[in-house]
Amino acid sequence: SLDGAVGNRLVLLTPAAQTSIPRGL
């Protein structure tokens, strides 16, 4: 189980600047 909750916020997964990534998970 992977849970991205931080309090009442959700963690955003995104590529770093100038980085191309085809899949998040």
PDBML (XML) file of the C-alpha atoms, coordinates in Angstrom:
<?xml version="1.0" encoding="UTF-8" ?>
<PDBx:datablock datablockName="MODEL"
   xmlns:PDBx="http://pdbml.pdb.org/schema/pdbx-v50.xsd"
   xmlns:xsi="http://www.w3.org/2001/XMLSchema-instance"
   xsi:schemaLocation="http://pdbml.pdb.org/schema/pdbx-v50.xsd pdbx-v50.xsd">
   <PDBx:atom_siteCategory>
      <PDBx:atom_site id="1">
         <PDBx:B_iso_or_equiv>0.00</PDBx:B_iso_or_equiv>
         <PDBx:Cartn_x>0.000</PDBx:Cartn_x>
         <PDBx:Cartn_y>0.000</PDBx:Cartn_y>
         <PDBx:Cartn_z>0.000</PDBx:Cartn_z>
         <PDBx:auth_asym_id>A</PDBx:auth_asym_id>
         <PDBx:auth_atom_id>CA</PDBx:auth_atom_id>
         <PDBx:auth_comp_id>SER</PDBx:auth_comp_id>
         <PDBx:auth_seq_id>1</PDBx:auth_seq_id>
         <PDBx:group_PDB>ATOM</PDBx:group_PDB>
         <PDBx:label_alt_id xsi:nil="true" />
         <PDBx:label_asym_id>A</PDBx:label_asym_id>
         <PDBx:label_atom_id>CA</PDBx:label_atom_id>
         <PDBx:label_comp_id>SER</PDBx:label_comp_id>
         <PDBx:label_entity_id>1</PDBx:label_entity_id>
         <PDBx:label_seq_id>1</PDBx:label_seq_id>
         <PDBx:occupancy>1.00</PDBx:occupancy>
         <PDBx:pdbx_PDB_model_num>1</PDBx:pdbx_PDB_model_num>
         <PDBx:type_symbol>C</PDBx:type_symbol>
      </PDBx:atom_site>
      <PDBx:atom_site id="2">
         <PDBx:B_iso_or_equiv>0.00</PDBx:B_iso_or_equiv>
         <PDBx:Cartn_x>1.338</PDBx:Cartn_x>
         <PDBx:Cartn_y>3.437</PDBx:Cartn_y>
         <PDBx:Cartn_z>-1.008</PDBx:Cartn_z>
         <PDBx:auth_asym_id>A</PDBx:auth_asym_id>
         <PDBx:auth_atom_id>CA</PDBx:auth_atom_id>
         <PDBx:auth_comp_id>LEU</PDBx:auth_comp_id>
         <PDBx:auth_seq_id>2</PDBx:auth_seq_id>
         <PDBx:group_PDB>ATOM</PDBx:group_PDB>
         <PDBx:label_alt_id xsi:nil="true" />
         <PDBx:label_asym_id>A</PDBx:label_asym_id>
         <PDBx:label_atom_id>CA</PDBx:label_atom_id>
         <PDBx:label_comp_id>LEU</PDBx:label_comp_id>
         <PDBx:label_entity_id>1</PDBx:label_entity_id>
         <PDBx:label_seq_id>2</PDBx:label_seq_id>
         <PDBx:occupancy>1.00</PDBx:occupancy>
         <PDBx:pdbx_PDB_model_num>1</PDBx:pdbx_PDB_model_num>
         <PDBx:type_symbol>C</PDBx:type_symbol>
      </PDBx:atom_site>
      <PDBx:atom_site id="3">
         <PDBx:B_iso_or_equiv>0.00</PDBx:B_iso_or_equiv>
         <PDBx:Cartn_x>-0.427</PDBx:Cartn_x>
         <PDBx:Cartn_y>6.390</PDBx:Cartn_y>
         <PDBx:Cartn_z>0.651</PDBx:Cartn_z>
         <PDBx:auth_asym_id>A</PDBx:auth_asym_id>
         <PDBx:auth_atom_id>CA</PDBx:auth_atom_id>
         <PDBx:auth_comp_id>ASP</PDBx:auth_comp_id>
         <PDBx:auth_seq_id>3</PDBx:auth_seq_id>
         <PDBx:group_PDB>ATOM</PDBx:group_PDB>
         <PDBx:label_alt_id xsi:nil="true" />
         <PDBx:label_asym_id>A</PDBx:label_asym_id>
         <PDBx:label_atom_id>CA</PDBx:label_atom_id>
         <PDBx:label_comp_id>ASP</PDBx:label_comp_id>
         <PDBx:label_entity_id>1</PDBx:label_entity_id>
         <PDBx:label_seq_id>3</PDBx:label_seq_id>
         <PDBx:occupancy>1.00</PDBx:occupancy>
         <PDBx:pdbx_PDB_model_num>1</PDBx:pdbx_PDB_model_num>
         <PDBx:type_symbol>C</PDBx:type_symbol>
      </PDBx:atom_site>
      <PDBx:atom_site id="4">
         <PDBx:B_iso_or_equiv>0.00</PDBx:B_iso_or_equiv>
         <PDBx:Cartn_x>0.464</PDBx:Cartn_x>
         <PDBx:Cartn_y>9.949</PDBx:Cartn_y>
         <PDBx:Cartn_z>-0.380</PDBx:Cartn_z>
         <PDBx:auth_asym_id>A</PDBx:auth_asym_id>
         <PDBx:auth_atom_id>CA</PDBx:auth_atom_id>
         <PDBx:auth_comp_id>GLY</PDBx:auth_comp_id>
         <PDBx:auth_seq_id>4</PDBx:auth_seq_id>
         <PDBx:group_PDB>ATOM</PDBx:group_PDB>
         <PDBx:label_alt_id xsi:nil="true" />
         <PDBx:label_asym_id>A</PDBx:label_asym_id>
         <PDBx:label_atom_id>CA</PDBx:label_atom_id>
         <PDBx:label_comp_id>GLY</PDBx:label_comp_id>
         <PDBx:label_entity_id>1</PDBx:label_entity_id>
         <PDBx:label_seq_id>4</PDBx:label_seq_id>
         <PDBx:occupancy>1.00</PDBx:occupancy>
         <PDBx:pdbx_PDB_model_num>1</PDBx:pdbx_PDB_model_num>
         <PDBx:type_symbol>C</PDBx:type_symbol>
      </PDBx:atom_site>
      <PDBx:atom_site id="5">
         <PDBx:B_iso_or_equiv>0.00</PDBx:B_iso_or_equiv>
         <PDBx:Cartn_x>-1.521</PDBx:Cartn_x>
         <PDBx:Cartn_y>11.807</PDBx:Cartn_y>
         <PDBx:Cartn_z>2.288</PDBx:Cartn_z>
         <PDBx:auth_asym_id>A</PDBx:auth_asym_id>
         <PDBx:auth_atom_id>CA</PDBx:auth_atom_id>
         <PDBx:auth_comp_id>ALA</PDBx:auth_comp_id>
         <PDBx:auth_seq_id>5</PDBx:auth_seq_id>
         <PDBx:group_PDB>ATOM</PDBx:group_PDB>
         <PDBx:label_alt_id xsi:nil="true" />
         <PDBx:label_asym_id>A</PDBx:label_asym_id>
         <PDBx:label_atom_id>CA</PDBx:label_atom_id>
         <PDBx:label_comp_id>ALA</PDBx:label_comp_id>
         <PDBx:label_entity_id>1</PDBx:label_entity_id>
         <PDBx:label_seq_id>5</PDBx:label_seq_id>
         <PDBx:occupancy>1.00</PDBx:occupancy>
         <PDBx:pdbx_PDB_model_num>1</PDBx:pdbx_PDB_model_num>
         <PDBx:type_symbol>C</PDBx:type_symbol>
      </PDBx:atom_site>
      <PDBx:atom_site id="6">
         <PDBx:B_iso_or_equiv>0.00</PDBx:B_iso_or_equiv>
         <PDBx:Cartn_x>0.383</PDBx:Cartn_x>
         <PDBx:Cartn_y>14.405</PDBx:Cartn_y>
         <PDBx:Cartn_z>4.330</PDBx:Cartn_z>
         <PDBx:auth_asym_id>A</PDBx:auth_asym_id>
         <PDBx:auth_atom_id>CA</PDBx:auth_atom_id>
         <PDBx:auth_comp_id>VAL</PDBx:auth_comp_id>
         <PDBx:auth_seq_id>6</PDBx:auth_seq_id>
         <PDBx:group_PDB>ATOM</PDBx:group_PDB>
         <PDBx:label_alt_id xsi:nil="true" />
         <PDBx:label_asym_id>A</PDBx:label_asym_id>
         <PDBx:label_atom_id>CA</PDBx:label_atom_id>
         <PDBx:label_comp_id>VAL</PDBx:label_comp_id>
         <PDBx:label_entity_id>1</PDBx:label_entity_id>
         <PDBx:label_seq_id>6</PDBx:label_seq_id>
         <PDBx:occupancy>1.00</PDBx:occupancy>
         <PDBx:pdbx_PDB_model_num>1</PDBx:pdbx_PDB_model_num>
         <PDBx:type_symbol>C</PDBx:type_symbol>
      </PDBx:atom_site>
      <PDBx:atom_site id="7">
         <PDBx:B_iso_or_equiv>0.00</PDBx:B_iso_or_equiv>
         <PDBx:Cartn_x>-2.182</PDBx:Cartn_x>
         <PDBx:Cartn_y>15.716</PDBx:Cartn_y>
         <PDBx:Cartn_z>6.781</PDBx:Cartn_z>
         <PDBx:auth_asym_id>A</PDBx:auth_asym_id>
         <PDBx:auth_atom_id>CA</PDBx:auth_atom_id>
         <PDBx:auth_comp_id>GLY</PDBx:auth_comp_id>
         <PDBx:auth_seq_id>7</PDBx:auth_seq_id>
         <PDBx:group_PDB>ATOM</PDBx:group_PDB>
         <PDBx:label_alt_id xsi:nil="true" />
         <PDBx:label_asym_id>A</PDBx:label_asym_id>
         <PDBx:label_atom_id>CA</PDBx:label_atom_id>
         <PDBx:label_comp_id>GLY</PDBx:label_comp_id>
         <PDBx:label_entity_id>1</PDBx:label_entity_id>
         <PDBx:label_seq_id>7</PDBx:label_seq_id>
         <PDBx:occupancy>1.00</PDBx:occupancy>
         <PDBx:pdbx_PDB_model_num>1</PDBx:pdbx_PDB_model_num>
         <PDBx:type_symbol>C</PDBx:type_symbol>
      </PDBx:atom_site>
      <PDBx:atom_site id="8">
         <PDBx:B_iso_or_equiv>0.00</PDBx:B_iso_or_equiv>
         <PDBx:Cartn_x>-4.999</PDBx:Cartn_x>
         <PDBx:Cartn_y>16.964</PDBx:Cartn_y>
         <PDBx:Cartn_z>4.542</PDBx:Cartn_z>
         <PDBx:auth_asym_id>A</PDBx:auth_asym_id>
         <PDBx:auth_atom_id>CA</PDBx:auth_atom_id>
         <PDBx:auth_comp_id>ASN</PDBx:auth_comp_id>
         <PDBx:auth_seq_id>8</PDBx:auth_seq_id>
         <PDBx:group_PDB>ATOM</PDBx:group_PDB>
         <PDBx:label_alt_id xsi:nil="true" />
         <PDBx:label_asym_id>A</PDBx:label_asym_id>
         <PDBx:label_atom_id>CA</PDBx:label_atom_id>
         <PDBx:label_comp_id>ASN</PDBx:label_comp_id>
         <PDBx:label_entity_id>1</PDBx:label_entity_id>
         <PDBx:label_seq_id>8</PDBx:label_seq_id>
         <PDBx:occupancy>1.00</PDBx:occupancy>
         <PDBx:pdbx_PDB_model_num>1</PDBx:pdbx_PDB_model_num>
         <PDBx:type_symbol>C</PDBx:type_symbol>
      </PDBx:atom_site>
      <PDBx:atom_site id="9">
         <PDBx:B_iso_or_equiv>0.00</PDBx:B_iso_or_equiv>
         <PDBx:Cartn_x>-2.673</PDBx:Cartn_x>
         <PDBx:Cartn_y>17.420</PDBx:Cartn_y>
         <PDBx:Cartn_z>1.534</PDBx:Cartn_z>
         <PDBx:auth_asym_id>A</PDBx:auth_asym_id>
         <PDBx:auth_atom_id>CA</PDBx:auth_atom_id>
         <PDBx:auth_comp_id>ARG</PDBx:auth_comp_id>
         <PDBx:auth_seq_id>9</PDBx:auth_seq_id>
         <PDBx:group_PDB>ATOM</PDBx:group_PDB>
         <PDBx:label_alt_id xsi:nil="true" />
         <PDBx:label_asym_id>A</PDBx:label_asym_id>
         <PDBx:label_atom_id>CA</PDBx:label_atom_id>
         <PDBx:label_comp_id>ARG</PDBx:label_comp_id>
         <PDBx:label_entity_id>1</PDBx:label_entity_id>
         <PDBx:label_seq_id>9</PDBx:label_seq_id>
         <PDBx:occupancy>1.00</PDBx:occupancy>
         <PDBx:pdbx_PDB_model_num>1</PDBx:pdbx_PDB_model_num>
         <PDBx:type_symbol>C</PDBx:type_symbol>
      </PDBx:atom_site>
      <PDBx:atom_site id="10">
         <PDBx:B_iso_or_equiv>0.00</PDBx:B_iso_or_equiv>
         <PDBx:Cartn_x>-1.720</PDBx:Cartn_x>
         <PDBx:Cartn_y>14.986</PDBx:Cartn_y>
         <PDBx:Cartn_z>-1.216</PDBx:Cartn_z>
         <PDBx:auth_asym_id>A</PDBx:auth_asym_id>
         <PDBx:auth_atom_id>CA</PDBx:auth_atom_id>
         <PDBx:auth_comp_id>LEU</PDBx:auth_comp_id>
         <PDBx:auth_seq_id>10</PDBx:auth_seq_id>
         <PDBx:group_PDB>ATOM</PDBx:group_PDB>
         <PDBx:label_alt_id xsi:nil="true" />
         <PDBx:label_asym_id>A</PDBx:label_asym_id>
         <PDBx:label_atom_id>CA</PDBx:label_atom_id>
         <PDBx:label_comp_id>LEU</PDBx:label_comp_id>
         <PDBx:label_entity_id>1</PDBx:label_entity_id>
         <PDBx:label_seq_id>10</PDBx:label_seq_id>
         <PDBx:occupancy>1.00</PDBx:occupancy>
         <PDBx:pdbx_PDB_model_num>1</PDBx:pdbx_PDB_model_num>
         <PDBx:type_symbol>C</PDBx:type_symbol>
      </PDBx:atom_site>
      <PDBx:atom_site id="11">
         <PDBx:B_iso_or_equiv>0.00</PDBx:B_iso_or_equiv>
         <PDBx:Cartn_x>1.870</PDBx:Cartn_x>
         <PDBx:Cartn_y>14.515</PDBx:Cartn_y>
         <PDBx:Cartn_z>-2.354</PDBx:Cartn_z>
         <PDBx:auth_asym_id>A</PDBx:auth_asym_id>
         <PDBx:auth_atom_id>CA</PDBx:auth_atom_id>
         <PDBx:auth_comp_id>VAL</PDBx:auth_comp_id>
         <PDBx:auth_seq_id>11</PDBx:auth_seq_id>
         <PDBx:group_PDB>ATOM</PDBx:group_PDB>
         <PDBx:label_alt_id xsi:nil="true" />
         <PDBx:label_asym_id>A</PDBx:label_asym_id>
         <PDBx:label_atom_id>CA</PDBx:label_atom_id>
         <PDBx:label_comp_id>VAL</PDBx:label_comp_id>
         <PDBx:label_entity_id>1</PDBx:label_entity_id>
         <PDBx:label_seq_id>11</PDBx:label_seq_id>
         <PDBx:occupancy>1.00</PDBx:occupancy>
         <PDBx:pdbx_PDB_model_num>1</PDBx:pdbx_PDB_model_num>
         <PDBx:type_symbol>C</PDBx:type_symbol>
      </PDBx:atom_site>
      <PDBx:atom_site id="12">
         <PDBx:B_iso_or_equiv>0.00</PDBx:B_iso_or_equiv>
         <PDBx:Cartn_x>2.426</PDBx:Cartn_x>
         <PDBx:Cartn_y>15.440</PDBx:Cartn_y>
         <PDBx:Cartn_z>-6.008</PDBx:Cartn_z>
         <PDBx:auth_asym_id>A</PDBx:auth_asym_id>
         <PDBx:auth_atom_id>CA</PDBx:auth_atom_id>
         <PDBx:auth_comp_id>LEU</PDBx:auth_comp_id>
         <PDBx:auth_seq_id>12</PDBx:auth_seq_id>
         <PDBx:group_PDB>ATOM</PDBx:group_PDB>
         <PDBx:label_alt_id xsi:nil="true" />
         <PDBx:label_asym_id>A</PDBx:label_asym_id>
         <PDBx:label_atom_id>CA</PDBx:label_atom_id>
         <PDBx:label_comp_id>LEU</PDBx:label_comp_id>
         <PDBx:label_entity_id>1</PDBx:label_entity_id>
         <PDBx:label_seq_id>12</PDBx:label_seq_id>
         <PDBx:occupancy>1.00</PDBx:occupancy>
         <PDBx:pdbx_PDB_model_num>1</PDBx:pdbx_PDB_model_num>
         <PDBx:type_symbol>C</PDBx:type_symbol>
      </PDBx:atom_site>
      <PDBx:atom_site id="13">
         <PDBx:B_iso_or_equiv>0.00</PDBx:B_iso_or_equiv>
         <PDBx:Cartn_x>4.735</PDBx:Cartn_x>
         <PDBx:Cartn_y>13.190</PDBx:Cartn_y>
         <PDBx:Cartn_z>-8.037</PDBx:Cartn_z>
         <PDBx:auth_asym_id>A</PDBx:auth_asym_id>
         <PDBx:auth_atom_id>CA</PDBx:auth_atom_id>
         <PDBx:auth_comp_id>LEU</PDBx:auth_comp_id>
         <PDBx:auth_seq_id>13</PDBx:auth_seq_id>
         <PDBx:group_PDB>ATOM</PDBx:group_PDB>
         <PDBx:label_alt_id xsi:nil="true" />
         <PDBx:label_asym_id>A</PDBx:label_asym_id>
         <PDBx:label_atom_id>CA</PDBx:label_atom_id>
         <PDBx:label_comp_id>LEU</PDBx:label_comp_id>
         <PDBx:label_entity_id>1</PDBx:label_entity_id>
         <PDBx:label_seq_id>13</PDBx:label_seq_id>
         <PDBx:occupancy>1.00</PDBx:occupancy>
         <PDBx:pdbx_PDB_model_num>1</PDBx:pdbx_PDB_model_num>
         <PDBx:type_symbol>C</PDBx:type_symbol>
      </PDBx:atom_site>
      <PDBx:atom_site id="14">
         <PDBx:B_iso_or_equiv>0.00</PDBx:B_iso_or_equiv>
         <PDBx:Cartn_x>6.201</PDBx:Cartn_x>
         <PDBx:Cartn_y>14.978</PDBx:Cartn_y>
         <PDBx:Cartn_z>-11.058</PDBx:Cartn_z>
         <PDBx:auth_asym_id>A</PDBx:auth_asym_id>
         <PDBx:auth_atom_id>CA</PDBx:auth_atom_id>
         <PDBx:auth_comp_id>THR</PDBx:auth_comp_id>
         <PDBx:auth_seq_id>14</PDBx:auth_seq_id>
         <PDBx:group_PDB>ATOM</PDBx:group_PDB>
         <PDBx:label_alt_id xsi:nil="true" />
         <PDBx:label_asym_id>A</PDBx:label_asym_id>
         <PDBx:label_atom_id>CA</PDBx:label_atom_id>
         <PDBx:label_comp_id>THR</PDBx:label_comp_id>
         <PDBx:label_entity_id>1</PDBx:label_entity_id>
         <PDBx:label_seq_id>14</PDBx:label_seq_id>
         <PDBx:occupancy>1.00</PDBx:occupancy>
         <PDBx:pdbx_PDB_model_num>1</PDBx:pdbx_PDB_model_num>
         <PDBx:type_symbol>C</PDBx:type_symbol>
      </PDBx:atom_site>
      <PDBx:atom_site id="15">
         <PDBx:B_iso_or_equiv>0.00</PDBx:B_iso_or_equiv>
         <PDBx:Cartn_x>9.462</PDBx:Cartn_x>
         <PDBx:Cartn_y>14.887</PDBx:Cartn_y>
         <PDBx:Cartn_z>-13.045</PDBx:Cartn_z>
         <PDBx:auth_asym_id>A</PDBx:auth_asym_id>
         <PDBx:auth_atom_id>CA</PDBx:auth_atom_id>
         <PDBx:auth_comp_id>PRO</PDBx:auth_comp_id>
         <PDBx:auth_seq_id>15</PDBx:auth_seq_id>
         <PDBx:group_PDB>ATOM</PDBx:group_PDB>
         <PDBx:label_alt_id xsi:nil="true" />
         <PDBx:label_asym_id>A</PDBx:label_asym_id>
         <PDBx:label_atom_id>CA</PDBx:label_atom_id>
         <PDBx:label_comp_id>PRO</PDBx:label_comp_id>
         <PDBx:label_entity_id>1</PDBx:label_entity_id>
         <PDBx:label_seq_id>15</PDBx:label_seq_id>
         <PDBx:occupancy>1.00</PDBx:occupancy>
         <PDBx:pdbx_PDB_model_num>1</PDBx:pdbx_PDB_model_num>
         <PDBx:type_symbol>C</PDBx:type_symbol>
      </PDBx:atom_site>
      <PDBx:atom_site id="16">
         <PDBx:B_iso_or_equiv>0.00</PDBx:B_iso_or_equiv>
         <PDBx:Cartn_x>12.121</PDBx:Cartn_x>
         <PDBx:Cartn_y>17.392</PDBx:Cartn_y>
         <PDBx:Cartn_z>-12.052</PDBx:Cartn_z>
         <PDBx:auth_asym_id>A</PDBx:auth_asym_id>
         <PDBx:auth_atom_id>CA</PDBx:auth_atom_id>
         <PDBx:auth_comp_id>ALA</PDBx:auth_comp_id>
         <PDBx:auth_seq_id>16</PDBx:auth_seq_id>
         <PDBx:group_PDB>ATOM</PDBx:group_PDB>
         <PDBx:label_alt_id xsi:nil="true" />
         <PDBx:label_asym_id>A</PDBx:label_asym_id>
         <PDBx:label_atom_id>CA</PDBx:label_atom_id>
         <PDBx:label_comp_id>ALA</PDBx:label_comp_id>
         <PDBx:label_entity_id>1</PDBx:label_entity_id>
         <PDBx:label_seq_id>16</PDBx:label_seq_id>
         <PDBx:occupancy>1.00</PDBx:occupancy>
         <PDBx:pdbx_PDB_model_num>1</PDBx:pdbx_PDB_model_num>
         <PDBx:type_symbol>C</PDBx:type_symbol>
      </PDBx:atom_site>
      <PDBx:atom_site id="17">
         <PDBx:B_iso_or_equiv>0.00</PDBx:B_iso_or_equiv>
         <PDBx:Cartn_x>12.745</PDBx:Cartn_x>
         <PDBx:Cartn_y>20.312</PDBx:Cartn_y>
         <PDBx:Cartn_z>-14.400</PDBx:Cartn_z>
         <PDBx:auth_asym_id>A</PDBx:auth_asym_id>
         <PDBx:auth_atom_id>CA</PDBx:auth_atom_id>
         <PDBx:auth_comp_id>ALA</PDBx:auth_comp_id>
         <PDBx:auth_seq_id>17</PDBx:auth_seq_id>
         <PDBx:group_PDB>ATOM</PDBx:group_PDB>
         <PDBx:label_alt_id xsi:nil="true" />
         <PDBx:label_asym_id>A</PDBx:label_asym_id>
         <PDBx:label_atom_id>CA</PDBx:label_atom_id>
         <PDBx:label_comp_id>ALA</PDBx:label_comp_id>
         <PDBx:label_entity_id>1</PDBx:label_entity_id>
         <PDBx:label_seq_id>17</PDBx:label_seq_id>
         <PDBx:occupancy>1.00</PDBx:occupancy>
         <PDBx:pdbx_PDB_model_num>1</PDBx:pdbx_PDB_model_num>
         <PDBx:type_symbol>C</PDBx:type_symbol>
      </PDBx:atom_site>
      <PDBx:atom_site id="18">
         <PDBx:B_iso_or_equiv>0.00</PDBx:B_iso_or_equiv>
         <PDBx:Cartn_x>14.388</PDBx:Cartn_x>
         <PDBx:Cartn_y>19.320</PDBx:Cartn_y>
         <PDBx:Cartn_z>-17.687</PDBx:Cartn_z>
         <PDBx:auth_asym_id>A</PDBx:auth_asym_id>
         <PDBx:auth_atom_id>CA</PDBx:auth_atom_id>
         <PDBx:auth_comp_id>GLN</PDBx:auth_comp_id>
         <PDBx:auth_seq_id>18</PDBx:auth_seq_id>
         <PDBx:group_PDB>ATOM</PDBx:group_PDB>
         <PDBx:label_alt_id xsi:nil="true" />
         <PDBx:label_asym_id>A</PDBx:label_asym_id>
         <PDBx:label_atom_id>CA</PDBx:label_atom_id>
         <PDBx:label_comp_id>GLN</PDBx:label_comp_id>
         <PDBx:label_entity_id>1</PDBx:label_entity_id>
         <PDBx:label_seq_id>18</PDBx:label_seq_id>
         <PDBx:occupancy>1.00</PDBx:occupancy>
         <PDBx:pdbx_PDB_model_num>1</PDBx:pdbx_PDB_model_num>
         <PDBx:type_symbol>C</PDBx:type_symbol>
      </PDBx:atom_site>
      <PDBx:atom_site id="19">
         <PDBx:B_iso_or_equiv>0.00</PDBx:B_iso_or_equiv>
         <PDBx:Cartn_x>13.702</PDBx:Cartn_x>
         <PDBx:Cartn_y>15.655</PDBx:Cartn_y>
         <PDBx:Cartn_z>-16.901</PDBx:Cartn_z>
         <PDBx:auth_asym_id>A</PDBx:auth_asym_id>
         <PDBx:auth_atom_id>CA</PDBx:auth_atom_id>
         <PDBx:auth_comp_id>THR</PDBx:auth_comp_id>
         <PDBx:auth_seq_id>19</PDBx:auth_seq_id>
         <PDBx:group_PDB>ATOM</PDBx:group_PDB>
         <PDBx:label_alt_id xsi:nil="true" />
         <PDBx:label_asym_id>A</PDBx:label_asym_id>
         <PDBx:label_atom_id>CA</PDBx:label_atom_id>
         <PDBx:label_comp_id>THR</PDBx:label_comp_id>
         <PDBx:label_entity_id>1</PDBx:label_entity_id>
         <PDBx:label_seq_id>19</PDBx:label_seq_id>
         <PDBx:occupancy>1.00</PDBx:occupancy>
         <PDBx:pdbx_PDB_model_num>1</PDBx:pdbx_PDB_model_num>
         <PDBx:type_symbol>C</PDBx:type_symbol>
      </PDBx:atom_site>
      <PDBx:atom_site id="20">
         <PDBx:B_iso_or_equiv>0.00</PDBx:B_iso_or_equiv>
         <PDBx:Cartn_x>11.507</PDBx:Cartn_x>
         <PDBx:Cartn_y>13.414</PDBx:Cartn_y>
         <PDBx:Cartn_z>-19.061</PDBx:Cartn_z>
         <PDBx:auth_asym_id>A</PDBx:auth_asym_id>
         <PDBx:auth_atom_id>CA</PDBx:auth_atom_id>
         <PDBx:auth_comp_id>SER</PDBx:auth_comp_id>
         <PDBx:auth_seq_id>20</PDBx:auth_seq_id>
         <PDBx:group_PDB>ATOM</PDBx:group_PDB>
         <PDBx:label_alt_id xsi:nil="true" />
         <PDBx:label_asym_id>A</PDBx:label_asym_id>
         <PDBx:label_atom_id>CA</PDBx:label_atom_id>
         <PDBx:label_comp_id>SER</PDBx:label_comp_id>
         <PDBx:label_entity_id>1</PDBx:label_entity_id>
         <PDBx:label_seq_id>20</PDBx:label_seq_id>
         <PDBx:occupancy>1.00</PDBx:occupancy>
         <PDBx:pdbx_PDB_model_num>1</PDBx:pdbx_PDB_model_num>
         <PDBx:type_symbol>C</PDBx:type_symbol>
      </PDBx:atom_site>
      <PDBx:atom_site id="21">
         <PDBx:B_iso_or_equiv>0.00</PDBx:B_iso_or_equiv>
         <PDBx:Cartn_x>9.926</PDBx:Cartn_x>
         <PDBx:Cartn_y>10.429</PDBx:Cartn_y>
         <PDBx:Cartn_z>-17.276</PDBx:Cartn_z>
         <PDBx:auth_asym_id>A</PDBx:auth_asym_id>
         <PDBx:auth_atom_id>CA</PDBx:auth_atom_id>
         <PDBx:auth_comp_id>ILE</PDBx:auth_comp_id>
         <PDBx:auth_seq_id>21</PDBx:auth_seq_id>
         <PDBx:group_PDB>ATOM</PDBx:group_PDB>
         <PDBx:label_alt_id xsi:nil="true" />
         <PDBx:label_asym_id>A</PDBx:label_asym_id>
         <PDBx:label_atom_id>CA</PDBx:label_atom_id>
         <PDBx:label_comp_id>ILE</PDBx:label_comp_id>
         <PDBx:label_entity_id>1</PDBx:label_entity_id>
         <PDBx:label_seq_id>21</PDBx:label_seq_id>
         <PDBx:occupancy>1.00</PDBx:occupancy>
         <PDBx:pdbx_PDB_model_num>1</PDBx:pdbx_PDB_model_num>
         <PDBx:type_symbol>C</PDBx:type_symbol>
      </PDBx:atom_site>
      <PDBx:atom_site id="22">
         <PDBx:B_iso_or_equiv>0.00</PDBx:B_iso_or_equiv>
         <PDBx:Cartn_x>7.264</PDBx:Cartn_x>
         <PDBx:Cartn_y>8.362</PDBx:Cartn_y>
         <PDBx:Cartn_z>-19.060</PDBx:Cartn_z>
         <PDBx:auth_asym_id>A</PDBx:auth_asym_id>
         <PDBx:auth_atom_id>CA</PDBx:auth_atom_id>
         <PDBx:auth_comp_id>PRO</PDBx:auth_comp_id>
         <PDBx:auth_seq_id>22</PDBx:auth_seq_id>
         <PDBx:group_PDB>ATOM</PDBx:group_PDB>
         <PDBx:label_alt_id xsi:nil="true" />
         <PDBx:label_asym_id>A</PDBx:label_asym_id>
         <PDBx:label_atom_id>CA</PDBx:label_atom_id>
         <PDBx:label_comp_id>PRO</PDBx:label_comp_id>
         <PDBx:label_entity_id>1</PDBx:label_entity_id>
         <PDBx:label_seq_id>22</PDBx:label_seq_id>
         <PDBx:occupancy>1.00</PDBx:occupancy>
         <PDBx:pdbx_PDB_model_num>1</PDBx:pdbx_PDB_model_num>
         <PDBx:type_symbol>C</PDBx:type_symbol>
      </PDBx:atom_site>
      <PDBx:atom_site id="23">
         <PDBx:B_iso_or_equiv>0.00</PDBx:B_iso_or_equiv>
         <PDBx:Cartn_x>5.619</PDBx:Cartn_x>
         <PDBx:Cartn_y>6.786</PDBx:Cartn_y>
         <PDBx:Cartn_z>-15.981</PDBx:Cartn_z>
         <PDBx:auth_asym_id>A</PDBx:auth_asym_id>
         <PDBx:auth_atom_id>CA</PDBx:auth_atom_id>
         <PDBx:auth_comp_id>ARG</PDBx:auth_comp_id>
         <PDBx:auth_seq_id>23</PDBx:auth_seq_id>
         <PDBx:group_PDB>ATOM</PDBx:group_PDB>
         <PDBx:label_alt_id xsi:nil="true" />
         <PDBx:label_asym_id>A</PDBx:label_asym_id>
         <PDBx:label_atom_id>CA</PDBx:label_atom_id>
         <PDBx:label_comp_id>ARG</PDBx:label_comp_id>
         <PDBx:label_entity_id>1</PDBx:label_entity_id>
         <PDBx:label_seq_id>23</PDBx:label_seq_id>
         <PDBx:occupancy>1.00</PDBx:occupancy>
         <PDBx:pdbx_PDB_model_num>1</PDBx:pdbx_PDB_model_num>
         <PDBx:type_symbol>C</PDBx:type_symbol>
      </PDBx:atom_site>
      <PDBx:atom_site id="24">
         <PDBx:B_iso_or_equiv>0.00</PDBx:B_iso_or_equiv>
         <PDBx:Cartn_x>4.844</PDBx:Cartn_x>
         <PDBx:Cartn_y>8.016</PDBx:Cartn_y>
         <PDBx:Cartn_z>-12.500</PDBx:Cartn_z>
         <PDBx:auth_asym_id>A</PDBx:auth_asym_id>
         <PDBx:auth_atom_id>CA</PDBx:auth_atom_id>
         <PDBx:auth_comp_id>GLY</PDBx:auth_comp_id>
         <PDBx:auth_seq_id>24</PDBx:auth_seq_id>
         <PDBx:group_PDB>ATOM</PDBx:group_PDB>
         <PDBx:label_alt_id xsi:nil="true" />
         <PDBx:label_asym_id>A</PDBx:label_asym_id>
         <PDBx:label_atom_id>CA</PDBx:label_atom_id>
         <PDBx:label_comp_id>GLY</PDBx:label_comp_id>
         <PDBx:label_entity_id>1</PDBx:label_entity_id>
         <PDBx:label_seq_id>24</PDBx:label_seq_id>
         <PDBx:occupancy>1.00</PDBx:occupancy>
         <PDBx:pdbx_PDB_model_num>1</PDBx:pdbx_PDB_model_num>
         <PDBx:type_symbol>C</PDBx:type_symbol>
      </PDBx:atom_site>
      <PDBx:atom_site id="25">
         <PDBx:B_iso_or_equiv>0.00</PDBx:B_iso_or_equiv>
         <PDBx:Cartn_x>4.318</PDBx:Cartn_x>
         <PDBx:Cartn_y>4.589</PDBx:Cartn_y>
         <PDBx:Cartn_z>-10.929</PDBx:Cartn_z>
         <PDBx:auth_asym_id>A</PDBx:auth_asym_id>
         <PDBx:auth_atom_id>CA</PDBx:auth_atom_id>
         <PDBx:auth_comp_id>LEU</PDBx:auth_comp_id>
         <PDBx:auth_seq_id>25</PDBx:auth_seq_id>
         <PDBx:group_PDB>ATOM</PDBx:group_PDB>
         <PDBx:label_alt_id xsi:nil="true" />
         <PDBx:label_asym_id>A</PDBx:label_asym_id>
         <PDBx:label_atom_id>CA</PDBx:label_atom_id>
         <PDBx:label_comp_id>LEU</PDBx:label_comp_id>
         <PDBx:label_entity_id>1</PDBx:label_entity_id>
         <PDBx:label_seq_id>25</PDBx:label_seq_id>
         <PDBx:occupancy>1.00</PDBx:occupancy>
         <PDBx:pdbx_PDB_model_num>1</PDBx:pdbx_PDB_model_num>
         <PDBx:type_symbol>C</PDBx:type_symbol>
      </PDBx:atom_site>
   </PDBx:atom_siteCategory>
</PDBx:datablock>
